[in-house]
Amino acid sequence: MTPAVRTLKAAGIDFQLTEYSHDPRAEAFGEEAAKTLGLAAQTVFKTLLAKLDDGRLVVALVPVSVRLDLKALAKAAGARKATLAEPSLAERTTGYVVGGISPLGQKKRLPTFLDESAMALSTLHVSGGRRGLEISLAPDDLVTLTDARPLALARS
């Protein structure tokens, strides 16, 4: 059981866990999950860590079908600039491996921002804390557990 799953169970949140066979050659982990599980790409969210120009780290969740708008993220976080965190820093900070980073149960709780498109969904899908494991839950529950701030973060 991953820390993400433990977090959901401890909170009494309704969720569904789905496992799939991860292809070690896959590079776009979220897109692999969507395709393998037959999910619409706009409902599968990737968890990204960004480093702000003042050194703070933040979490951003966007659908796997789009790119993260780093300028919008920086502005929302009260910074001038944001860059994606180095994979090794993301892994050390969250306790998860890249491709399996969940917004739930991270080692260190960070400010979290969720693309506003999630709020129109009845269910969204995020990593369960390892490659090949997806969590399906209501967007409101994700917001509650992570204190996420919904806003426009997607860039086509």
N, C-alpha and C. Protein backbone atom coordinates (compact mmCIF):
# COMPACT_ATOMS: atom_id res chain seq x y z
N MET A 1 0.84 -1.18 0.00
CA MET A 1 0.00 0.00 0.00
C MET A 1 0.89 1.24 0.00
N THR A 2 0.62 2.17 -0.91
CA THR A 2 1.43 3.38 -1.02
C THR A 2 0.95 4.43 -0.02
N PRO A 3 1.78 5.44 0.25
CA PRO A 3 1.34 6.53 1.13
C PRO A 3 0.07 7.23 0.60
N ALA A 4 -0.08 7.30 -0.72
CA ALA A 4 -1.27 7.92 -1.29
C ALA A 4 -2.53 7.15 -0.91
N VAL A 5 -2.47 5.84 -1.01
CA VAL A 5 -3.62 5.00 -0.67
C VAL A 5 -3.89 5.07 0.83
N ARG A 6 -2.85 5.06 1.63
CA ARG A 6 -3.03 5.18 3.08
C ARG A 6 -3.69 6.51 3.44
N THR A 7 -3.31 7.58 2.76
CA THR A 7 -3.90 8.90 3.00
C THR A 7 -5.40 8.88 2.73
N LEU A 8 -5.78 8.28 1.61
CA LEU A 8 -7.21 8.21 1.25
C LEU A 8 -7.99 7.38 2.24
N LYS A 9 -7.43 6.22 2.62
CA LYS A 9 -8.13 5.35 3.56
C LYS A 9 -8.27 6.02 4.92
N ALA A 10 -7.24 6.69 5.39
CA ALA A 10 -7.28 7.36 6.69
C ALA A 10 -8.33 8.47 6.70
N ALA A 11 -8.52 9.12 5.55
CA ALA A 11 -9.48 10.22 5.45
C ALA A 11 -10.91 9.72 5.19
N GLY A 12 -11.06 8.43 4.91
CA GLY A 12 -12.39 7.90 4.63
C GLY A 12 -12.96 8.35 3.30
N ILE A 13 -12.07 8.65 2.36
CA ILE A 13 -12.48 9.15 1.05
C ILE A 13 -12.85 7.97 0.13
N ASP A 14 -13.90 8.15 -0.65
CA ASP A 14 -14.31 7.15 -1.63
C ASP A 14 -13.39 7.26 -2.84
N PHE A 15 -12.75 6.15 -3.21
CA PHE A 15 -11.84 6.15 -4.35
C PHE A 15 -11.79 4.76 -4.95
N GLN A 16 -11.23 4.70 -6.15
CA GLN A 16 -11.03 3.41 -6.82
C GLN A 16 -9.57 3.31 -7.21
N LEU A 17 -9.00 2.15 -7.02
CA LEU A 17 -7.61 1.88 -7.35
C LEU A 17 -7.58 0.96 -8.56
N THR A 18 -6.79 1.32 -9.57
CA THR A 18 -6.67 0.50 -10.76
C THR A 18 -5.20 0.27 -11.07
N GLU A 19 -4.84 -0.99 -11.24
CA GLU A 19 -3.47 -1.33 -11.60
C GLU A 19 -3.42 -1.71 -13.07
N TYR A 20 -2.28 -1.42 -13.70
CA TYR A 20 -2.05 -1.83 -15.08
C TYR A 20 -0.58 -2.20 -15.22
N SER A 21 -0.29 -2.90 -16.27
CA SER A 21 1.09 -3.34 -16.51
C SER A 21 1.86 -2.19 -17.15
N HIS A 22 2.77 -1.59 -16.38
CA HIS A 22 3.56 -0.47 -16.86
C HIS A 22 4.64 -0.97 -17.81
N ASP A 23 4.78 -0.32 -18.95
CA ASP A 23 5.83 -0.64 -19.92
C ASP A 23 7.07 0.16 -19.54
N PRO A 24 8.17 -0.49 -19.15
CA PRO A 24 9.37 0.23 -18.72
C PRO A 24 9.97 1.13 -19.81
N ARG A 25 9.56 0.93 -21.06
CA ARG A 25 10.07 1.79 -22.14
C ARG A 25 9.25 3.07 -22.29
N ALA A 26 8.12 3.13 -21.63
CA ALA A 26 7.24 4.31 -21.74
C ALA A 26 7.92 5.53 -21.15
N GLU A 27 7.75 6.66 -21.82
CA GLU A 27 8.33 7.92 -21.33
C GLU A 27 7.25 8.89 -20.86
N ALA A 28 6.09 8.82 -21.48
CA ALA A 28 4.97 9.69 -21.09
C ALA A 28 4.05 8.86 -20.20
N PHE A 29 4.35 8.85 -18.91
CA PHE A 29 3.68 7.95 -17.97
C PHE A 29 2.17 8.17 -17.89
N GLY A 30 1.74 9.41 -17.82
CA GLY A 30 0.31 9.69 -17.73
C GLY A 30 -0.44 9.31 -18.98
N GLU A 31 0.17 9.56 -20.13
CA GLU A 31 -0.46 9.17 -21.39
C GLU A 31 -0.53 7.65 -21.50
N GLU A 32 0.49 6.96 -20.99
CA GLU A 32 0.47 5.50 -20.97
C GLU A 32 -0.71 5.02 -20.12
N ALA A 33 -0.91 5.63 -18.96
CA ALA A 33 -2.01 5.23 -18.08
C ALA A 33 -3.35 5.44 -18.79
N ALA A 34 -3.54 6.59 -19.40
CA ALA A 34 -4.80 6.88 -20.09
C ALA A 34 -5.07 5.87 -21.19
N LYS A 35 -4.06 5.61 -22.01
CA LYS A 35 -4.23 4.69 -23.13
C LYS A 35 -4.47 3.26 -22.65
N THR A 36 -3.66 2.81 -21.71
CA THR A 36 -3.77 1.43 -21.22
C THR A 36 -5.11 1.18 -20.54
N LEU A 37 -5.59 2.17 -19.80
CA LEU A 37 -6.84 2.00 -19.05
C LEU A 37 -8.08 2.44 -19.83
N GLY A 38 -7.88 2.98 -21.04
CA GLY A 38 -9.00 3.42 -21.86
C GLY A 38 -9.70 4.64 -21.29
N LEU A 39 -8.93 5.54 -20.68
CA LEU A 39 -9.49 6.75 -20.08
C LEU A 39 -9.28 7.95 -20.99
N ALA A 40 -10.19 8.90 -20.95
CA ALA A 40 -10.03 10.14 -21.70
C ALA A 40 -8.85 10.90 -21.12
N ALA A 41 -7.95 11.36 -21.99
CA ALA A 41 -6.72 12.03 -21.54
C ALA A 41 -7.00 13.26 -20.67
N GLN A 42 -8.13 13.92 -20.90
CA GLN A 42 -8.43 15.12 -20.11
C GLN A 42 -8.87 14.79 -18.69
N THR A 43 -9.06 13.50 -18.39
CA THR A 43 -9.45 13.10 -17.02
C THR A 43 -8.28 12.53 -16.22
N VAL A 44 -7.15 12.30 -16.89
CA VAL A 44 -5.96 11.77 -16.24
C VAL A 44 -5.00 12.93 -16.00
N PHE A 45 -4.66 13.16 -14.73
CA PHE A 45 -3.84 14.31 -14.38
C PHE A 45 -2.43 13.89 -13.97
N LYS A 46 -1.45 14.61 -14.53
CA LYS A 46 -0.07 14.36 -14.15
C LYS A 46 0.29 15.30 -13.00
N THR A 47 1.12 14.79 -12.10
CA THR A 47 1.56 15.56 -10.94
C THR A 47 2.97 16.03 -11.21
N LEU A 48 3.14 17.34 -11.28
CA LEU A 48 4.44 17.94 -11.59
C LEU A 48 4.92 18.79 -10.42
N LEU A 49 6.21 18.78 -10.18
CA LEU A 49 6.80 19.67 -9.19
C LEU A 49 7.51 20.79 -9.92
N ALA A 50 7.32 21.99 -9.44
CA ALA A 50 7.98 23.15 -10.04
C ALA A 50 8.75 23.89 -8.95
N LYS A 51 9.83 24.49 -9.38
CA LYS A 51 10.66 25.30 -8.48
C LYS A 51 10.45 26.76 -8.86
N LEU A 52 10.11 27.56 -7.86
CA LEU A 52 9.89 28.99 -8.10
C LEU A 52 11.21 29.74 -8.01
N ASP A 53 11.23 30.95 -8.53
CA ASP A 53 12.47 31.72 -8.54
C ASP A 53 12.97 32.08 -7.14
N ASP A 54 12.12 31.96 -6.13
CA ASP A 54 12.55 32.22 -4.76
C ASP A 54 12.97 30.93 -4.04
N GLY A 55 13.01 29.81 -4.79
CA GLY A 55 13.48 28.55 -4.23
C GLY A 55 12.39 27.63 -3.70
N ARG A 56 11.17 28.14 -3.55
CA ARG A 56 10.08 27.29 -3.06
C ARG A 56 9.69 26.26 -4.11
N LEU A 57 9.18 25.13 -3.63
CA LEU A 57 8.65 24.10 -4.52
C LEU A 57 7.13 24.09 -4.40
N VAL A 58 6.46 23.83 -5.53
CA VAL A 58 5.01 23.72 -5.55
C VAL A 58 4.63 22.53 -6.43
N VAL A 59 3.41 22.05 -6.22
CA VAL A 59 2.87 20.94 -7.00
C VAL A 59 1.82 21.50 -7.96
N ALA A 60 1.86 21.02 -9.20
CA ALA A 60 0.86 21.41 -10.20
C ALA A 60 0.29 20.15 -10.84
N LEU A 61 -1.03 20.12 -10.99
CA LEU A 61 -1.70 19.00 -11.63
C LEU A 61 -2.42 19.50 -12.87
N VAL A 62 -2.10 18.90 -14.00
CA VAL A 62 -2.74 19.24 -15.27
C VAL A 62 -3.06 17.95 -16.02
N PRO A 63 -4.06 17.99 -16.91
CA PRO A 63 -4.35 16.80 -17.70
C PRO A 63 -3.13 16.37 -18.52
N VAL A 64 -3.01 15.07 -18.75
CA VAL A 64 -1.86 14.57 -19.51
C VAL A 64 -1.89 15.03 -20.96
N SER A 65 -3.02 15.52 -21.43
CA SER A 65 -3.18 15.95 -22.82
C SER A 65 -2.69 17.37 -23.07
N VAL A 66 -2.25 18.06 -22.02
CA VAL A 66 -1.80 19.46 -22.16
C VAL A 66 -0.45 19.65 -21.49
N ARG A 67 0.08 20.85 -21.68
CA ARG A 67 1.33 21.22 -21.00
C ARG A 67 1.01 22.19 -19.86
N LEU A 68 1.88 22.23 -18.89
CA LEU A 68 1.73 23.15 -17.77
C LEU A 68 2.16 24.55 -18.18
N ASP A 69 1.33 25.53 -17.90
CA ASP A 69 1.67 26.93 -18.14
C ASP A 69 2.46 27.42 -16.93
N LEU A 70 3.78 27.44 -17.06
CA LEU A 70 4.65 27.79 -15.94
C LEU A 70 4.48 29.25 -15.52
N LYS A 71 4.16 30.13 -16.46
CA LYS A 71 3.94 31.54 -16.11
C LYS A 71 2.70 31.69 -15.23
N ALA A 72 1.63 30.99 -15.59
CA ALA A 72 0.41 31.05 -14.79
C ALA A 72 0.65 30.46 -13.41
N LEU A 73 1.41 29.38 -13.34
CA LEU A 73 1.72 28.78 -12.05
C LEU A 73 2.53 29.72 -11.18
N ALA A 74 3.56 30.34 -11.75
CA ALA A 74 4.38 31.28 -10.99
C ALA A 74 3.54 32.42 -10.45
N LYS A 75 2.70 32.98 -11.29
CA LYS A 75 1.84 34.10 -10.86
C LYS A 75 0.94 33.67 -9.72
N ALA A 76 0.32 32.50 -9.85
CA ALA A 76 -0.59 32.01 -8.81
C ALA A 76 0.13 31.77 -7.49
N ALA A 77 1.40 31.40 -7.58
CA ALA A 77 2.18 31.11 -6.37
C ALA A 77 2.89 32.35 -5.82
N GLY A 78 2.68 33.49 -6.46
CA GLY A 78 3.29 34.74 -5.99
C GLY A 78 4.77 34.86 -6.33
N ALA A 79 5.14 34.26 -7.45
CA ALA A 79 6.54 34.34 -7.89
C ALA A 79 6.59 34.94 -9.29
N ARG A 80 7.80 35.25 -9.75
CA ARG A 80 7.96 35.80 -11.09
C ARG A 80 8.18 34.70 -12.12
N LYS A 81 8.81 33.59 -11.68
CA LYS A 81 9.18 32.55 -12.62
C LYS A 81 9.08 31.18 -11.97
N ALA A 82 8.74 30.19 -12.78
CA ALA A 82 8.72 28.79 -12.31
C ALA A 82 9.35 27.91 -13.38
N THR A 83 10.08 26.91 -12.94
CA THR A 83 10.65 25.91 -13.83
C THR A 83 10.32 24.54 -13.27
N LEU A 84 10.28 23.55 -14.12
CA LEU A 84 10.04 22.19 -13.63
C LEU A 84 11.22 21.77 -12.77
N ALA A 85 10.94 21.14 -11.66
CA ALA A 85 12.00 20.68 -10.76
C ALA A 85 12.76 19.52 -11.39
N GLU A 86 14.02 19.42 -11.07
CA GLU A 86 14.82 18.28 -11.54
C GLU A 86 14.18 17.00 -11.01
N PRO A 87 14.19 15.94 -11.80
CA PRO A 87 13.58 14.68 -11.36
C PRO A 87 14.11 14.19 -10.01
N SER A 88 15.40 14.31 -9.77
CA SER A 88 15.96 13.83 -8.49
C SER A 88 15.42 14.64 -7.32
N LEU A 89 15.23 15.94 -7.51
CA LEU A 89 14.67 16.79 -6.46
C LEU A 89 13.20 16.43 -6.22
N ALA A 90 12.46 16.19 -7.31
CA ALA A 90 11.06 15.80 -7.19
C ALA A 90 10.93 14.49 -6.42
N GLU A 91 11.79 13.55 -6.70
CA GLU A 91 11.73 12.25 -6.02
C GLU A 91 12.09 12.37 -4.54
N ARG A 92 13.15 13.13 -4.23
CA ARG A 92 13.54 13.31 -2.82
C ARG A 92 12.46 14.02 -2.03
N THR A 93 11.84 15.01 -2.63
CA THR A 93 10.85 15.83 -1.93
C THR A 93 9.54 15.08 -1.70
N THR A 94 9.11 14.31 -2.70
CA THR A 94 7.80 13.64 -2.60
C THR A 94 7.88 12.24 -1.99
N GLY A 95 9.02 11.58 -2.17
CA GLY A 95 9.14 10.18 -1.73
C GLY A 95 8.65 9.20 -2.78
N TYR A 96 8.32 9.70 -3.97
CA TYR A 96 7.86 8.87 -5.07
C TYR A 96 8.84 8.95 -6.24
N VAL A 97 8.80 7.94 -7.12
CA VAL A 97 9.63 7.98 -8.32
C VAL A 97 8.88 8.74 -9.41
N VAL A 98 9.63 9.39 -10.29
CA VAL A 98 9.04 10.10 -11.42
C VAL A 98 8.23 9.09 -12.23
N GLY A 99 7.05 9.51 -12.63
CA GLY A 99 6.13 8.61 -13.33
C GLY A 99 5.17 7.95 -12.37
N GLY A 100 5.44 8.10 -11.08
CA GLY A 100 4.57 7.55 -10.05
C GLY A 100 4.32 8.55 -8.94
N ILE A 101 4.61 9.81 -9.20
CA ILE A 101 4.41 10.84 -8.18
C ILE A 101 2.92 11.12 -8.03
N SER A 102 2.44 10.91 -6.83
CA SER A 102 1.04 11.17 -6.51
C SER A 102 0.94 12.52 -5.80
N PRO A 103 -0.17 13.23 -5.98
CA PRO A 103 -0.36 14.46 -5.21
C PRO A 103 -0.70 14.17 -3.75
N LEU A 104 -0.97 12.91 -3.45
CA LEU A 104 -1.40 12.49 -2.11
C LEU A 104 -0.26 11.76 -1.39
N GLY A 105 -0.14 11.99 -0.10
CA GLY A 105 0.81 11.23 0.71
C GLY A 105 2.26 11.56 0.45
N GLN A 106 2.54 12.75 -0.03
CA GLN A 106 3.94 13.14 -0.26
C GLN A 106 4.67 13.32 1.06
N LYS A 107 5.99 13.12 1.05
CA LYS A 107 6.80 13.26 2.26
C LYS A 107 6.67 14.65 2.86
N LYS A 108 6.64 15.65 1.99
CA LYS A 108 6.55 17.04 2.42
C LYS A 108 5.33 17.67 1.75
N ARG A 109 4.46 18.25 2.54
CA ARG A 109 3.27 18.89 1.98
C ARG A 109 3.65 20.22 1.35
N LEU A 110 3.32 20.37 0.09
CA LEU A 110 3.66 21.58 -0.66
C LEU A 110 2.40 22.27 -1.15
N PRO A 111 2.48 23.58 -1.40
CA PRO A 111 1.34 24.27 -2.01
C PRO A 111 0.99 23.55 -3.31
N THR A 112 -0.30 23.33 -3.52
CA THR A 112 -0.75 22.54 -4.67
C THR A 112 -1.75 23.34 -5.49
N PHE A 113 -1.56 23.26 -6.81
CA PHE A 113 -2.41 23.96 -7.76
C PHE A 113 -2.95 22.95 -8.76
N LEU A 114 -4.26 23.01 -9.01
CA LEU A 114 -4.96 22.05 -9.85
C LEU A 114 -5.59 22.79 -11.02
N ASP A 115 -5.37 22.27 -12.24
CA ASP A 115 -6.00 22.91 -13.38
C ASP A 115 -7.51 22.91 -13.19
N GLU A 116 -8.12 24.05 -13.44
CA GLU A 116 -9.54 24.24 -13.18
C GLU A 116 -10.45 23.30 -13.97
N SER A 117 -9.94 22.72 -15.05
CA SER A 117 -10.75 21.78 -15.84
C SER A 117 -11.17 20.58 -15.00
N ALA A 118 -10.43 20.27 -13.97
CA ALA A 118 -10.75 19.13 -13.10
C ALA A 118 -12.09 19.30 -12.41
N MET A 119 -12.44 20.54 -12.11
CA MET A 119 -13.65 20.79 -11.32
C MET A 119 -14.93 20.50 -12.10
N ALA A 120 -14.84 20.37 -13.42
CA ALA A 120 -16.01 20.04 -14.23
C ALA A 120 -16.20 18.52 -14.36
N LEU A 121 -15.26 17.75 -13.84
CA LEU A 121 -15.32 16.30 -13.95
C LEU A 121 -16.01 15.69 -12.74
N SER A 122 -16.66 14.55 -12.94
CA SER A 122 -17.21 13.84 -11.79
C SER A 122 -16.11 13.00 -11.13
N THR A 123 -15.16 12.52 -11.95
CA THR A 123 -14.05 11.71 -11.46
C THR A 123 -12.80 12.09 -12.22
N LEU A 124 -11.69 12.18 -11.51
CA LEU A 124 -10.41 12.37 -12.18
C LEU A 124 -9.48 11.26 -11.71
N HIS A 125 -8.36 11.13 -12.43
CA HIS A 125 -7.43 10.04 -12.17
C HIS A 125 -6.03 10.63 -11.95
N VAL A 126 -5.38 10.18 -10.88
CA VAL A 126 -4.02 10.61 -10.56
C VAL A 126 -3.19 9.38 -10.21
N SER A 127 -1.90 9.56 -10.20
CA SER A 127 -1.02 8.44 -9.85
C SER A 127 -1.29 7.97 -8.43
N GLY A 128 -1.22 6.67 -8.27
CA GLY A 128 -1.42 6.07 -6.95
C GLY A 128 -0.15 5.96 -6.13
N GLY A 129 0.96 6.45 -6.66
CA GLY A 129 2.20 6.44 -5.89
C GLY A 129 3.26 5.49 -6.43
N ARG A 130 2.96 4.87 -7.55
CA ARG A 130 3.96 4.08 -8.27
C ARG A 130 3.50 3.93 -9.71
N ARG A 131 4.44 3.65 -10.57
CA ARG A 131 4.10 3.45 -11.98
C ARG A 131 3.20 2.23 -12.09
N GLY A 132 2.11 2.37 -12.85
CA GLY A 132 1.18 1.27 -13.03
C GLY A 132 0.04 1.25 -12.02
N LEU A 133 -0.13 2.32 -11.26
CA LEU A 133 -1.20 2.38 -10.26
C LEU A 133 -1.88 3.74 -10.35
N GLU A 134 -3.19 3.72 -10.62
CA GLU A 134 -3.97 4.95 -10.74
C GLU A 134 -5.06 4.99 -9.69
N ILE A 135 -5.30 6.18 -9.17
CA ILE A 135 -6.37 6.44 -8.22
C ILE A 135 -7.43 7.26 -8.94
N SER A 136 -8.68 6.85 -8.81
CA SER A 136 -9.82 7.61 -9.34
C SER A 136 -10.59 8.15 -8.15
N LEU A 137 -10.86 9.46 -8.17
CA LEU A 137 -11.60 10.08 -7.08
C LEU A 137 -12.27 11.35 -7.55
N ALA A 138 -13.13 11.89 -6.73
CA ALA A 138 -13.83 13.14 -7.05
C ALA A 138 -12.86 14.32 -6.91
N PRO A 139 -12.94 15.28 -7.82
CA PRO A 139 -12.06 16.45 -7.74
C PRO A 139 -12.16 17.18 -6.40
N ASP A 140 -13.37 17.30 -5.86
CA ASP A 140 -13.54 17.99 -4.58
C ASP A 140 -12.77 17.29 -3.47
N ASP A 141 -12.72 15.96 -3.51
CA ASP A 141 -11.97 15.22 -2.50
C ASP A 141 -10.47 15.47 -2.64
N LEU A 142 -9.99 15.53 -3.87
CA LEU A 142 -8.57 15.83 -4.09
C LEU A 142 -8.24 17.23 -3.56
N VAL A 143 -9.11 18.18 -3.85
CA VAL A 143 -8.90 19.56 -3.37
C VAL A 143 -8.86 19.58 -1.84
N THR A 144 -9.79 18.89 -1.21
CA THR A 144 -9.85 18.84 0.25
C THR A 144 -8.57 18.25 0.85
N LEU A 145 -8.12 17.14 0.31
CA LEU A 145 -6.96 16.45 0.88
C LEU A 145 -5.63 17.16 0.64
N THR A 146 -5.53 17.92 -0.44
CA THR A 146 -4.26 18.57 -0.78
C THR A 146 -4.29 20.08 -0.57
N ASP A 147 -5.44 20.62 -0.21
CA ASP A 147 -5.63 22.07 -0.15
C ASP A 147 -5.30 22.72 -1.50
N ALA A 148 -5.59 22.00 -2.57
CA ALA A 148 -5.27 22.49 -3.92
C ALA A 148 -6.11 23.72 -4.27
N ARG A 149 -5.48 24.57 -5.04
CA ARG A 149 -6.16 25.78 -5.53
C ARG A 149 -6.43 25.60 -7.02
N PRO A 150 -7.71 25.47 -7.42
CA PRO A 150 -8.02 25.32 -8.84
C PRO A 150 -7.83 26.65 -9.59
N LEU A 151 -7.17 26.58 -10.73
CA LEU A 151 -7.00 27.74 -11.60
C LEU A 151 -6.56 27.29 -12.98
N ALA A 152 -6.55 28.20 -13.93
CA ALA A 152 -6.17 27.87 -15.31
C ALA A 152 -4.66 27.64 -15.38
N LEU A 153 -4.26 26.40 -15.59
CA LEU A 153 -2.85 26.02 -15.65
C LEU A 153 -2.47 25.33 -16.94
N ALA A 154 -3.46 25.01 -17.78
CA ALA A 154 -3.21 24.21 -18.97
C ALA A 154 -2.81 25.09 -20.15
N ARG A 155 -1.87 24.56 -20.91
CA ARG A 155 -1.43 25.18 -22.17
C ARG A 155 -1.43 24.08 -23.22
N SER A 156 -2.08 24.33 -24.34
CA SER A 156 -2.14 23.29 -25.38
C SER A 156 -0.81 23.07 -26.06
